[in-house]
PDB file of N, CA and C in Angstrom:
ATOM      1  N   UNK A   1       3.678 -43.355  32.857  1.00  0.00           N
ATOM      2  CA  UNK A   1       4.316 -42.248  32.165  1.00  0.00           C
ATOM      3  C   UNK A   1       3.538 -40.960  32.401  1.00  0.00           C
ATOM      4  N   UNK A   2       4.231 -39.855  32.406  1.00  0.00           N
ATOM      5  CA  UNK A   2       3.574 -38.578  32.611  1.00  0.00           C
ATOM      6  C   UNK A   2       2.819 -38.117  31.382  1.00  0.00           C
ATOM      7  N   UNK A   3       1.862 -37.236  31.615  1.00  0.00           N
ATOM      8  CA  UNK A   3       1.072 -36.691  30.501  1.00  0.00           C
ATOM      9  C   UNK A   3       1.942 -35.980  29.473  1.00  0.00           C
ATOM     10  N   UNK A   4       3.043 -35.391  29.914  1.00  0.00           N
ATOM     11  CA  UNK A   4       3.925 -34.676  28.999  1.00  0.00           C
ATOM     12  C   UNK A   4       4.422 -35.601  27.888  1.00  0.00           C
ATOM     13  N   UNK A   5       4.604 -36.885  28.211  1.00  0.00           N
ATOM     14  CA  UNK A   5       5.114 -37.835  27.226  1.00  0.00           C
ATOM     15  C   UNK A   5       4.115 -38.044  26.092  1.00  0.00           C
ATOM     16  N   UNK A   6       2.832 -38.110  26.424  1.00  0.00           N
ATOM     17  CA  UNK A   6       1.797 -38.283  25.399  1.00  0.00           C
ATOM     18  C   UNK A   6       1.706 -37.036  24.514  1.00  0.00           C
ATOM     19  N   UNK A   7       1.834 -35.877  25.131  1.00  0.00           N
ATOM     20  CA  UNK A   7       1.832 -34.627  24.358  1.00  0.00           C
ATOM     21  C   UNK A   7       3.061 -34.580  23.455  1.00  0.00           C
ATOM     22  N   UNK A   8       4.198 -34.992  23.976  1.00  0.00           N
ATOM     23  CA  UNK A   8       5.448 -35.031  23.216  1.00  0.00           C
ATOM     24  C   UNK A   8       5.317 -35.931  21.982  1.00  0.00           C
ATOM     25  N   UNK A   9       4.832 -37.154  22.181  1.00  0.00           N
ATOM     26  CA  UNK A   9       4.664 -38.081  21.057  1.00  0.00           C
ATOM     27  C   UNK A   9       3.644 -37.560  20.039  1.00  0.00           C
ATOM     28  N   UNK A  10       2.551 -37.000  20.529  1.00  0.00           N
ATOM     29  CA  UNK A  10       1.549 -36.432  19.631  1.00  0.00           C
ATOM     30  C   UNK A  10       2.103 -35.249  18.863  1.00  0.00           C
ATOM     31  N   UNK A  11       2.891 -34.421  19.530  1.00  0.00           N
ATOM     32  CA  UNK A  11       3.493 -33.266  18.869  1.00  0.00           C
ATOM     33  C   UNK A  11       4.437 -33.678  17.744  1.00  0.00           C
ATOM     34  N   UNK A  12       5.220 -34.714  17.986  1.00  0.00           N
ATOM     35  CA  UNK A  12       6.105 -35.222  16.921  1.00  0.00           C
ATOM     36  C   UNK A  12       5.291 -35.709  15.729  1.00  0.00           C
ATOM     37  N   UNK A  13       4.199 -36.391  16.015  1.00  0.00           N
ATOM     38  CA  UNK A  13       3.346 -36.920  14.955  1.00  0.00           C
ATOM     39  C   UNK A  13       2.699 -35.787  14.165  1.00  0.00           C
ATOM     40  N   UNK A  14       2.125 -34.817  14.873  1.00  0.00           N
ATOM     41  CA  UNK A  14       1.456 -33.700  14.214  1.00  0.00           C
ATOM     42  C   UNK A  14       2.394 -32.836  13.397  1.00  0.00           C
ATOM     43  N   UNK A  15       3.583 -32.566  13.929  1.00  0.00           N
ATOM     44  CA  UNK A  15       4.555 -31.757  13.197  1.00  0.00           C
ATOM     45  C   UNK A  15       5.012 -32.476  11.932  1.00  0.00           C
ATOM     46  N   UNK A  16       5.175 -33.784  12.012  1.00  0.00           N
ATOM     47  CA  UNK A  16       5.570 -34.567  10.843  1.00  0.00           C
ATOM     48  C   UNK A  16       4.455 -34.561   9.792  1.00  0.00           C
ATOM     49  N   UNK A  17       3.211 -34.704  10.238  1.00  0.00           N
ATOM     50  CA  UNK A  17       2.080 -34.653   9.306  1.00  0.00           C
ATOM     51  C   UNK A  17       1.976 -33.285   8.634  1.00  0.00           C
ATOM     52  N   UNK A  18       2.176 -32.220   9.406  1.00  0.00           N
ATOM     53  CA  UNK A  18       2.125 -30.879   8.810  1.00  0.00           C
ATOM     54  C   UNK A  18       3.253 -30.700   7.804  1.00  0.00           C
ATOM     55  N   UNK A  19       4.430 -31.183   8.111  1.00  0.00           N
ATOM     56  CA  UNK A  19       5.549 -31.102   7.177  1.00  0.00           C
ATOM     57  C   UNK A  19       5.221 -31.838   5.880  1.00  0.00           C
ATOM     58  N   UNK A  20       4.572 -33.000   5.990  1.00  0.00           N
ATOM     59  CA  UNK A  20       4.167 -33.764   4.818  1.00  0.00           C
ATOM     60  C   UNK A  20       3.181 -32.961   3.960  1.00  0.00           C
ATOM     61  N   UNK A  21       2.173 -32.365   4.585  1.00  0.00           N
ATOM     62  CA  UNK A  21       1.192 -31.547   3.851  1.00  0.00           C
ATOM     63  C   UNK A  21       1.896 -30.346   3.218  1.00  0.00           C
ATOM     64  N   UNK A  22       2.824 -29.744   3.967  1.00  0.00           N
ATOM     65  CA  UNK A  22       3.546 -28.580   3.472  1.00  0.00           C
ATOM     66  C   UNK A  22       4.404 -28.936   2.258  1.00  0.00           C
ATOM     67  N   UNK A  23       4.906 -30.171   2.201  1.00  0.00           N
ATOM     68  CA  UNK A  23       5.731 -30.574   1.057  1.00  0.00           C
ATOM     69  C   UNK A  23       4.888 -30.821  -0.197  1.00  0.00           C
ATOM     70  N   UNK A  24       3.568 -30.989  -0.032  1.00  0.00           N
ATOM     71  CA  UNK A  24       2.690 -31.254  -1.165  1.00  0.00           C
ATOM     72  C   UNK A  24       1.985 -30.024  -1.709  1.00  0.00           C
ATOM     73  N   UNK A  25       1.828 -28.981  -0.890  1.00  0.00           N
ATOM     74  CA  UNK A  25       1.023 -27.817  -1.262  1.00  0.00           C
ATOM     75  C   UNK A  25       1.766 -26.528  -0.984  1.00  0.00           C
ATOM     76  N   UNK A  26       1.323 -25.457  -1.654  1.00  0.00           N
ATOM     77  CA  UNK A  26       1.874 -24.138  -1.371  1.00  0.00           C
ATOM     78  C   UNK A  26       1.553 -23.764   0.069  1.00  0.00           C
ATOM     79  N   UNK A  27       2.272 -22.805   0.610  1.00  0.00           N
ATOM     80  CA  UNK A  27       2.078 -22.466   2.027  1.00  0.00           C
ATOM     81  C   UNK A  27       0.664 -21.951   2.286  1.00  0.00           C
ATOM     82  N   UNK A  28       0.076 -21.222   1.343  1.00  0.00           N
ATOM     83  CA  UNK A  28      -1.281 -20.715   1.530  1.00  0.00           C
ATOM     84  C   UNK A  28      -2.290 -21.858   1.561  1.00  0.00           C
ATOM     85  N   UNK A  29      -2.174 -22.791   0.618  1.00  0.00           N
ATOM     86  CA  UNK A  29      -3.076 -23.944   0.571  1.00  0.00           C
ATOM     87  C   UNK A  29      -2.848 -24.836   1.782  1.00  0.00           C
ATOM     88  N   UNK A  30      -1.596 -25.067   2.136  1.00  0.00           N
ATOM     89  CA  UNK A  30      -1.265 -25.876   3.299  1.00  0.00           C
ATOM     90  C   UNK A  30      -1.908 -25.300   4.547  1.00  0.00           C
ATOM     91  N   UNK A  31      -1.882 -23.996   4.685  1.00  0.00           N
ATOM     92  CA  UNK A  31      -2.452 -23.333   5.852  1.00  0.00           C
ATOM     93  C   UNK A  31      -3.943 -23.618   5.970  1.00  0.00           C
ATOM     94  N   UNK A  32      -4.666 -23.530   4.868  1.00  0.00           N
ATOM     95  CA  UNK A  32      -6.096 -23.828   4.880  1.00  0.00           C
ATOM     96  C   UNK A  32      -6.348 -25.298   5.204  1.00  0.00           C
ATOM     97  N   UNK A  33      -5.563 -26.181   4.600  1.00  0.00           N
ATOM     98  CA  UNK A  33      -5.766 -27.616   4.823  1.00  0.00           C
ATOM     99  C   UNK A  33      -5.535 -27.974   6.288  1.00  0.00           C
ATOM    100  N   UNK A  34      -4.383 -27.602   6.833  1.00  0.00           N
ATOM    101  CA  UNK A  34      -4.072 -28.035   8.205  1.00  0.00           C
ATOM    102  C   UNK A  34      -5.012 -27.398   9.224  1.00  0.00           C
ATOM    103  N   UNK A  35      -5.395 -26.161   9.027  1.00  0.00           N
ATOM    104  CA  UNK A  35      -6.251 -25.511  10.017  1.00  0.00           C
ATOM    105  C   UNK A  35      -7.707 -25.975   9.943  1.00  0.00           C
ATOM    106  N   UNK A  36      -8.243 -26.124   8.753  1.00  0.00           N
ATOM    107  CA  UNK A  36      -9.642 -26.557   8.636  1.00  0.00           C
ATOM    108  C   UNK A  36      -9.772 -28.046   8.979  1.00  0.00           C
ATOM    109  N   UNK A  37      -8.898 -28.872   8.439  1.00  0.00           N
ATOM    110  CA  UNK A  37      -8.931 -30.301   8.762  1.00  0.00           C
ATOM    111  C   UNK A  37      -8.635 -30.515  10.246  1.00  0.00           C
ATOM    112  N   UNK A  38      -7.630 -29.810  10.766  1.00  0.00           N
ATOM    113  CA  UNK A  38      -7.299 -29.935  12.188  1.00  0.00           C
ATOM    114  C   UNK A  38      -8.444 -29.507  13.088  1.00  0.00           C
ATOM    115  N   UNK A  39      -9.151 -28.461  12.720  1.00  0.00           N
ATOM    116  CA  UNK A  39     -10.305 -28.004  13.505  1.00  0.00           C
ATOM    117  C   UNK A  39     -11.426 -29.029  13.477  1.00  0.00           C
ATOM    118  N   UNK A  40     -11.685 -29.591  12.297  1.00  0.00           N
ATOM    119  CA  UNK A  40     -12.691 -30.638  12.194  1.00  0.00           C
ATOM    120  C   UNK A  40     -12.332 -31.818  13.101  1.00  0.00           C
ATOM    121  N   UNK A  41     -11.089 -32.273  13.010  1.00  0.00           N
ATOM    122  CA  UNK A  41     -10.658 -33.413  13.823  1.00  0.00           C
ATOM    123  C   UNK A  41     -10.709 -33.097  15.312  1.00  0.00           C
ATOM    124  N   UNK A  42     -10.376 -31.866  15.675  1.00  0.00           N
ATOM    125  CA  UNK A  42     -10.449 -31.484  17.083  1.00  0.00           C
ATOM    126  C   UNK A  42     -11.882 -31.544  17.594  1.00  0.00           C
ATOM    127  N   UNK A  43     -12.828 -31.050  16.805  1.00  0.00           N
ATOM    128  CA  UNK A  43     -14.229 -31.146  17.190  1.00  0.00           C
ATOM    129  C   UNK A  43     -14.684 -32.585  17.290  1.00  0.00           C
ATOM    130  N   UNK A  44     -14.288 -33.399  16.321  1.00  0.00           N
ATOM    131  CA  UNK A  44     -14.669 -34.807  16.302  1.00  0.00           C
ATOM    132  C   UNK A  44     -14.089 -35.537  17.523  1.00  0.00           C
ATOM    133  N   UNK A  45     -12.816 -35.355  17.757  1.00  0.00           N
ATOM    134  CA  UNK A  45     -12.147 -36.033  18.871  1.00  0.00           C
ATOM    135  C   UNK A  45     -12.714 -35.580  20.208  1.00  0.00           C
ATOM    136  N   UNK A  46     -12.998 -34.302  20.346  1.00  0.00           N
ATOM    137  CA  UNK A  46     -13.612 -33.838  21.597  1.00  0.00           C
ATOM    138  C   UNK A  46     -14.997 -34.435  21.778  1.00  0.00           C
ATOM    139  N   UNK A  47     -15.720 -34.626  20.696  1.00  0.00           N
ATOM    140  CA  UNK A  47     -17.009 -35.298  20.788  1.00  0.00           C
ATOM    141  C   UNK A  47     -16.864 -36.732  21.255  1.00  0.00           C
ATOM    142  N   UNK A  48     -15.877 -37.425  20.739  1.00  0.00           N
ATOM    143  CA  UNK A  48     -15.618 -38.813  21.143  1.00  0.00           C
ATOM    144  C   UNK A  48     -15.228 -38.870  22.621  1.00  0.00           C
ATOM    145  N   UNK A  49     -14.319 -37.996  23.039  1.00  0.00           N
ATOM    146  CA  UNK A  49     -13.819 -38.057  24.410  1.00  0.00           C
ATOM    147  C   UNK A  49     -14.762 -37.422  25.423  1.00  0.00           C
ATOM    148  N   UNK A  50     -15.825 -36.798  24.964  1.00  0.00           N
ATOM    149  CA  UNK A  50     -16.867 -36.357  25.892  1.00  0.00           C
ATOM    150  C   UNK A  50     -17.578 -37.558  26.496  1.00  0.00           C
ATOM    151  N   UNK A  51     -17.619 -38.630  25.733  1.00  0.00           N
ATOM    152  CA  UNK A  51     -18.314 -39.844  26.164  1.00  0.00           C
ATOM    153  C   UNK A  51     -17.389 -40.852  26.826  1.00  0.00           C
ATOM    154  N   UNK A  52     -16.100 -40.749  26.584  1.00  0.00           N
ATOM    155  CA  UNK A  52     -15.141 -41.717  27.099  1.00  0.00           C
ATOM    156  C   UNK A  52     -14.107 -40.996  27.965  1.00  0.00           C
ATOM    157  N   UNK A  53     -13.541 -41.716  28.879  1.00  0.00           N
ATOM    158  CA  UNK A  53     -12.510 -41.144  29.739  1.00  0.00           C
ATOM    159  C   UNK A  53     -11.185 -41.817  29.409  1.00  0.00           C
ATOM    160  N   UNK A  54     -10.318 -41.120  28.707  1.00  0.00           N
ATOM    161  CA  UNK A  54      -8.980 -41.611  28.436  1.00  0.00           C
ATOM    162  C   UNK A  54      -8.096 -40.395  28.205  1.00  0.00           C
ATOM    163  N   UNK A  55      -7.580 -39.863  29.276  1.00  0.00           N
ATOM    164  CA  UNK A  55      -6.802 -38.630  29.198  1.00  0.00           C
ATOM    165  C   UNK A  55      -5.544 -38.769  28.354  1.00  0.00           C
ATOM    166  N   UNK A  56      -4.898 -39.928  28.390  1.00  0.00           N
ATOM    167  CA  UNK A  56      -3.660 -40.107  27.635  1.00  0.00           C
ATOM    168  C   UNK A  56      -3.903 -39.968  26.131  1.00  0.00           C
ATOM    169  N   UNK A  57      -4.908 -40.659  25.605  1.00  0.00           N
ATOM    170  CA  UNK A  57      -5.206 -40.560  24.182  1.00  0.00           C
ATOM    171  C   UNK A  57      -5.686 -39.173  23.800  1.00  0.00           C
ATOM    172  N   UNK A  58      -6.500 -38.567  24.640  1.00  0.00           N
ATOM    173  CA  UNK A  58      -6.984 -37.216  24.333  1.00  0.00           C
ATOM    174  C   UNK A  58      -5.814 -36.236  24.284  1.00  0.00           C
ATOM    175  N   UNK A  59      -4.903 -36.306  25.238  1.00  0.00           N
ATOM    176  CA  UNK A  59      -3.727 -35.441  25.229  1.00  0.00           C
ATOM    177  C   UNK A  59      -2.856 -35.691  24.000  1.00  0.00           C
ATOM    178  N   UNK A  60      -2.652 -36.961  23.669  1.00  0.00           N
ATOM    179  CA  UNK A  60      -1.859 -37.304  22.492  1.00  0.00           C
ATOM    180  C   UNK A  60      -2.469 -36.689  21.233  1.00  0.00           C
ATOM    181  N   UNK A  61      -3.784 -36.875  21.058  1.00  0.00           N
ATOM    182  CA  UNK A  61      -4.446 -36.454  19.824  1.00  0.00           C
ATOM    183  C   UNK A  61      -4.703 -34.949  19.750  1.00  0.00           C
ATOM    184  N   UNK A  62      -5.148 -34.339  20.846  1.00  0.00           N
ATOM    185  CA  UNK A  62      -5.562 -32.931  20.784  1.00  0.00           C
ATOM    186  C   UNK A  62      -4.392 -31.983  21.051  1.00  0.00           C
ATOM    187  N   UNK A  63      -3.906 -31.965  22.260  1.00  0.00           N
ATOM    188  CA  UNK A  63      -2.825 -31.034  22.612  1.00  0.00           C
ATOM    189  C   UNK A  63      -1.559 -31.339  21.822  1.00  0.00           C
ATOM    190  N   UNK A  64      -1.219 -32.616  21.705  1.00  0.00           N
ATOM    191  CA  UNK A  64       0.001 -32.997  21.010  1.00  0.00           C
ATOM    192  C   UNK A  64      -0.110 -32.947  19.504  1.00  0.00           C
ATOM    193  N   UNK A  65      -0.813 -33.924  18.930  1.00  0.00           N
ATOM    194  CA  UNK A  65      -0.840 -34.068  17.481  1.00  0.00           C
ATOM    195  C   UNK A  65      -1.510 -32.882  16.772  1.00  0.00           C
ATOM    196  N   UNK A  66      -2.740 -32.551  17.168  1.00  0.00           N
ATOM    197  CA  UNK A  66      -3.433 -31.461  16.473  1.00  0.00           C
ATOM    198  C   UNK A  66      -2.860 -30.096  16.832  1.00  0.00           C
ATOM    199  N   UNK A  67      -2.311 -29.973  18.046  1.00  0.00           N
ATOM    200  CA  UNK A  67      -1.635 -28.729  18.403  1.00  0.00           C
ATOM    201  C   UNK A  67      -0.438 -28.450  17.520  1.00  0.00           C
ATOM    202  N   UNK A  68       0.290 -29.501  17.151  1.00  0.00           N
ATOM    203  CA  UNK A  68       1.446 -29.343  16.267  1.00  0.00           C
ATOM    204  C   UNK A  68       1.054 -29.334  14.791  1.00  0.00           C
ATOM    205  N   UNK A  69      -0.039 -29.990  14.455  1.00  0.00           N
ATOM    206  CA  UNK A  69      -0.483 -30.053  13.061  1.00  0.00           C
ATOM    207  C   UNK A  69      -1.049 -28.714  12.592  1.00  0.00           C
ATOM    208  N   UNK A  70      -1.895 -28.102  13.411  1.00  0.00           N
ATOM    209  CA  UNK A  70      -2.470 -26.810  13.048  1.00  0.00           C
ATOM    210  C   UNK A  70      -1.447 -25.717  13.327  1.00  0.00           C
ATOM    211  N   UNK A  71      -1.688 -24.547  12.765  1.00  0.00           N
ATOM    212  CA  UNK A  71      -0.661 -23.514  12.892  1.00  0.00           C
ATOM    213  C   UNK A  71      -1.261 -22.117  12.982  1.00  0.00           C
ATOM    214  N   UNK A  72      -1.482 -21.678  14.205  1.00  0.00           N
ATOM    215  CA  UNK A  72      -2.026 -20.343  14.408  1.00  0.00           C
ATOM    216  C   UNK A  72      -0.982 -19.273  14.114  1.00  0.00           C
ATOM    217  N   UNK A  73       0.273 -19.541  14.418  1.00  0.00           N
ATOM    218  CA  UNK A  73       1.306 -18.526  14.186  1.00  0.00           C
ATOM    219  C   UNK A  73       1.472 -18.234  12.699  1.00  0.00           C
ATOM    220  N   UNK A  74       1.435 -19.253  11.848  1.00  0.00           N
ATOM    221  CA  UNK A  74       1.540 -19.021  10.411  1.00  0.00           C
ATOM    222  C   UNK A  74       0.296 -18.322   9.888  1.00  0.00           C
ATOM    223  N   UNK A  75      -0.865 -18.674  10.430  1.00  0.00           N
ATOM    224  CA  UNK A  75      -2.098 -17.972  10.084  1.00  0.00           C
ATOM    225  C   UNK A  75      -1.971 -16.486  10.434  1.00  0.00           C
ATOM    226  N   UNK A  76      -1.488 -16.184  11.624  1.00  0.00           N
ATOM    227  CA  UNK A  76      -1.342 -14.785  12.056  1.00  0.00           C
ATOM    228  C   UNK A  76      -0.374 -14.026  11.162  1.00  0.00           C
ATOM    229  N   UNK A  77       0.733 -14.661  10.805  1.00  0.00           N
ATOM    230  CA  UNK A  77       1.715 -14.015   9.930  1.00  0.00           C
ATOM    231  C   UNK A  77       1.094 -13.707   8.574  1.00  0.00           C
ATOM    232  N   UNK A  78       0.371 -14.666   8.003  1.00  0.00           N
ATOM    233  CA  UNK A  78      -0.285 -14.448   6.712  1.00  0.00           C
ATOM    234  C   UNK A  78      -1.363 -13.384   6.792  1.00  0.00           C
ATOM    235  N   UNK A  79      -2.102 -13.384   7.888  1.00  0.00           N
ATOM    236  CA  UNK A  79      -3.157 -12.394   8.100  1.00  0.00           C
ATOM    237  C   UNK A  79      -2.573 -10.978   8.121  1.00  0.00           C
ATOM    238  N   UNK A  80      -1.526 -10.769   8.902  1.00  0.00           N
ATOM    239  CA  UNK A  80      -0.940  -9.429   8.990  1.00  0.00           C
ATOM    240  C   UNK A  80      -0.221  -9.021   7.709  1.00  0.00           C
ATOM    241  N   UNK A  81       0.375  -9.990   7.001  1.00  0.00           N
ATOM    242  CA  UNK A  81       0.999  -9.681   5.714  1.00  0.00           C
ATOM    243  C   UNK A  81      -0.058  -9.225   4.718  1.00  0.00           C
ATOM    244  N   UNK A  82      -1.189  -9.953   4.660  1.00  0.00           N
ATOM    245  CA  UNK A  82      -2.269  -9.567   3.754  1.00  0.00           C
ATOM    246  C   UNK A  82      -2.884  -8.226   4.145  1.00  0.00           C
ATOM    247  N   UNK A  83      -3.015  -7.972   5.442  1.00  0.00           N
ATOM    248  CA  UNK A  83      -3.544  -6.674   5.884  1.00  0.00           C
ATOM    249  C   UNK A  83      -2.675  -5.520   5.405  1.00  0.00           C
ATOM    250  N   UNK A  84      -1.359  -5.725   5.440  1.00  0.00           N
ATOM    251  CA  UNK A  84      -0.453  -4.662   4.963  1.00  0.00           C
ATOM    252  C   UNK A  84      -0.602  -4.440   3.466  1.00  0.00           C
ATOM    253  N   UNK A  85      -0.855  -5.525   2.725  1.00  0.00           N
ATOM    254  CA  UNK A  85      -0.981  -5.432   1.276  1.00  0.00           C
ATOM    255  C   UNK A  85      -2.357  -4.937   0.848  1.00  0.00           C
ATOM    256  N   UNK A  86      -3.390  -5.430   1.503  1.00  0.00           N
ATOM    257  CA  UNK A  86      -4.757  -5.065   1.150  1.00  0.00           C
ATOM    258  C   UNK A  86      -5.658  -5.311   2.359  1.00  0.00           C
ATOM    259  N   UNK A  87      -6.242  -4.253   2.864  1.00  0.00           N
ATOM    260  CA  UNK A  87      -7.105  -4.361   4.030  1.00  0.00           C
ATOM    261  C   UNK A  87      -8.259  -5.339   3.774  1.00  0.00           C
ATOM    262  N   UNK A  88      -8.871  -5.239   2.604  1.00  0.00           N
ATOM    263  CA  UNK A  88     -10.020  -6.096   2.293  1.00  0.00           C
ATOM    264  C   UNK A  88      -9.598  -7.565   2.218  1.00  0.00           C
ATOM    265  N   UNK A  89      -8.524  -7.856   1.483  1.00  0.00           N
ATOM    266  CA  UNK A  89      -8.053  -9.243   1.378  1.00  0.00           C
ATOM    267  C   UNK A  89      -7.651  -9.792   2.742  1.00  0.00           C
ATOM    268  N   UNK A  90      -6.987  -8.988   3.542  1.00  0.00           N
ATOM    269  CA  UNK A  90      -6.583  -9.419   4.873  1.00  0.00           C
ATOM    270  C   UNK A  90      -7.773  -9.747   5.754  1.00  0.00           C
ATOM    271  N   UNK A  91      -8.773  -8.873   5.727  1.00  0.00           N
ATOM    272  CA  UNK A  91      -9.972  -9.115   6.539  1.00  0.00           C
ATOM    273  C   UNK A  91     -10.749 -10.334   6.045  1.00  0.00           C
ATOM    274  N   UNK A  92     -10.868 -10.484   4.721  1.00  0.00           N
ATOM    275  CA  UNK A  92     -11.551 -11.657   4.173  1.00  0.00           C
ATOM    276  C   UNK A  92     -10.834 -12.945   4.565  1.00  0.00           C
ATOM    277  N   UNK A  93      -9.514 -12.934   4.486  1.00  0.00           N
ATOM    278  CA  UNK A  93      -8.727 -14.097   4.867  1.00  0.00           C
ATOM    279  C   UNK A  93      -8.899 -14.411   6.353  1.00  0.00           C
ATOM    280  N   UNK A  94      -8.740 -13.406   7.205  1.00  0.00           N
ATOM    281  CA  UNK A  94      -8.835 -13.620   8.646  1.00  0.00           C
ATOM    282  C   UNK A  94     -10.205 -14.096   9.092  1.00  0.00           C
ATOM    283  N   UNK A  95     -11.233 -13.423   8.616  1.00  0.00           N
ATOM    284  CA  UNK A  95     -12.602 -13.803   8.984  1.00  0.00           C
ATOM    285  C   UNK A  95     -12.966 -15.151   8.351  1.00  0.00           C
ATOM    286  N   UNK A  96     -12.576 -15.342   7.089  1.00  0.00           N
ATOM    287  CA  UNK A  96     -12.883 -16.590   6.392  1.00  0.00           C
ATOM    288  C   UNK A  96     -12.239 -17.795   7.053  1.00  0.00           C
ATOM    289  N   UNK A  97     -10.962 -17.685   7.382  1.00  0.00           N
ATOM    290  CA  UNK A  97     -10.257 -18.796   8.030  1.00  0.00           C
ATOM    291  C   UNK A  97     -10.870 -19.095   9.395  1.00  0.00           C
ATOM    292  N   UNK A  98     -11.137 -18.054  10.157  1.00  0.00           N
ATOM    293  CA  UNK A  98     -11.703 -18.242  11.498  1.00  0.00           C
ATOM    294  C   UNK A  98     -13.068 -18.918  11.414  1.00  0.00           C
ATOM    295  N   UNK A  99     -13.939 -18.419  10.545  1.00  0.00           N
ATOM    296  CA  UNK A  99     -15.267 -19.024  10.396  1.00  0.00           C
ATOM    297  C   UNK A  99     -15.187 -20.475   9.919  1.00  0.00           C
ATOM    298  N   UNK A 100     -14.356 -20.729   8.929  1.00  0.00           N
ATOM    299  CA  UNK A 100     -14.223 -22.100   8.415  1.00  0.00           C
ATOM    300  C   UNK A 100     -13.733 -23.054   9.497  1.00  0.00           C
ATOM    301  N   UNK A 101     -12.787 -22.620  10.296  1.00  0.00           N
ATOM    302  CA  UNK A 101     -12.250 -23.487  11.347  1.00  0.00           C
ATOM    303  C   UNK A 101     -13.277 -23.741  12.444  1.00  0.00           C
ATOM    304  N   UNK A 102     -13.980 -22.700  12.864  1.00  0.00           N
ATOM    305  CA  UNK A 102     -15.000 -22.874  13.907  1.00  0.00           C
ATOM    306  C   UNK A 102     -16.133 -23.760  13.402  1.00  0.00           C
ATOM    307  N   UNK A 103     -16.579 -23.535  12.183  1.00  0.00           N
ATOM    308  CA  UNK A 103     -17.653 -24.354  11.606  1.00  0.00           C
ATOM    309  C   UNK A 103     -17.187 -25.798  11.433  1.00  0.00           C
ATOM    310  N   UNK A 104     -15.952 -26.000  11.000  1.00  0.00           N
ATOM    311  CA  UNK A 104     -15.412 -27.356  10.850  1.00  0.00           C
ATOM    312  C   UNK A 104     -15.369 -28.085  12.185  1.00  0.00           C
ATOM    313  N   UNK A 105     -14.932 -27.399  13.236  1.00  0.00           N
ATOM    314  CA  UNK A 105     -14.901 -28.020  14.566  1.00  0.00           C
ATOM    315  C   UNK A 105     -16.316 -28.375  15.025  1.00  0.00           C
ATOM    316  N   UNK A 106     -17.254 -27.481  14.778  1.00  0.00           N
ATOM    317  CA  UNK A 106     -18.648 -27.726  15.164  1.00  0.00           C
ATOM    318  C   UNK A 106     -19.213 -28.934  14.416  1.00  0.00           C
ATOM    319  N   UNK A 107     -18.933 -29.025  13.109  1.00  0.00           N
ATOM    320  CA  UNK A 107     -19.412 -30.164  12.316  1.00  0.00           C
ATOM    321  C   UNK A 107     -18.808 -31.463  12.846  1.00  0.00           C
ATOM    322  N   UNK A 108     -17.503 -31.467  13.104  1.00  0.00           N
ATOM    323  CA  UNK A 108     -16.861 -32.661  13.644  1.00  0.00           C
ATOM    324  C   UNK A 108     -17.473 -33.094  14.963  1.00  0.00           C
ATOM    325  N   UNK A 109     -17.731 -32.136  15.835  1.00  0.00           N
ATOM    326  CA  UNK A 109     -18.341 -32.436  17.134  1.00  0.00           C
ATOM    327  C   UNK A 109     -19.758 -32.974  16.957  1.00  0.00           C
ATOM    328  N   UNK A 110     -20.538 -32.354  16.080  1.00  0.00           N
ATOM    329  CA  UNK A 110     -21.932 -32.761  15.865  1.00  0.00           C
ATOM    330  C   UNK A 110     -22.041 -34.149  15.233  1.00  0.00           C
ATOM    331  N   UNK A 111     -21.089 -34.517  14.408  1.00  0.00           N
ATOM    332  CA  UNK A 111     -21.116 -35.844  13.812  1.00  0.00           C
ATOM    333  C   UNK A 111     -21.077 -36.909  14.899  1.00  0.00           C
ATOM    334  N   UNK A 112     -20.261 -36.698  15.899  1.00  0.00           N
ATOM    335  CA  UNK A 112     -20.123 -37.676  16.978  1.00  0.00           C
ATOM    336  C   UNK A 112     -21.265 -37.554  17.978  1.00  0.00           C
ATOM    337  N   UNK A 113     -21.600 -36.356  18.339  1.00  0.00           N
ATOM    338  CA  UNK A 113     -22.556 -36.123  19.415  1.00  0.00           C
ATOM    339  C   UNK A 113     -24.005 -36.190  18.964  1.00  0.00           C
ATOM    340  N   UNK A 114     -24.275 -36.053  17.700  1.00  0.00           N
ATOM    341  CA  UNK A 114     -25.662 -36.061  17.227  1.00  0.00           C
ATOM    342  C   UNK A 114     -26.403 -34.828  17.698  1.00  0.00           C
ATOM    343  N   UNK A 115     -27.627 -34.980  18.033  1.00  0.00           N
ATOM    344  CA  UNK A 115     -28.476 -33.842  18.413  1.00  0.00           C
ATOM    345  C   UNK A 115     -28.511 -33.564  19.910  1.00  0.00           C
ATOM    346  N   UNK A 116     -27.862 -34.399  20.740  1.00  0.00           N
ATOM    347  CA  UNK A 116     -27.943 -34.153  22.185  1.00  0.00           C
ATOM    348  C   UNK A 116     -26.987 -33.091  22.654  1.00  0.00           C
TER     349      UNK A 116
END
């Protein structure tokens, strides 16, 4: 099977998971959950696949599932909406979300990779 199929299946899974989270939480809370958790998992999974070679699973989990689970477009929309309402709140949200996601990915990667 082609790589596109693994991305397709992962995308269906990730979009369904995001819909589930969205049905449980407000859109603002959902945005933080999917982006921070998704970033952590992306770091963790990349740490795992740095040591192993399995392109199909990596494509399924990262590009497909986590690509559909996380949501940069909704983050961008919220960021610009907040900027229009309050420059300070918008900047705090944008910088805060970005830092939390990058730190979460780093923590996930470090858990798997250790100190090397």
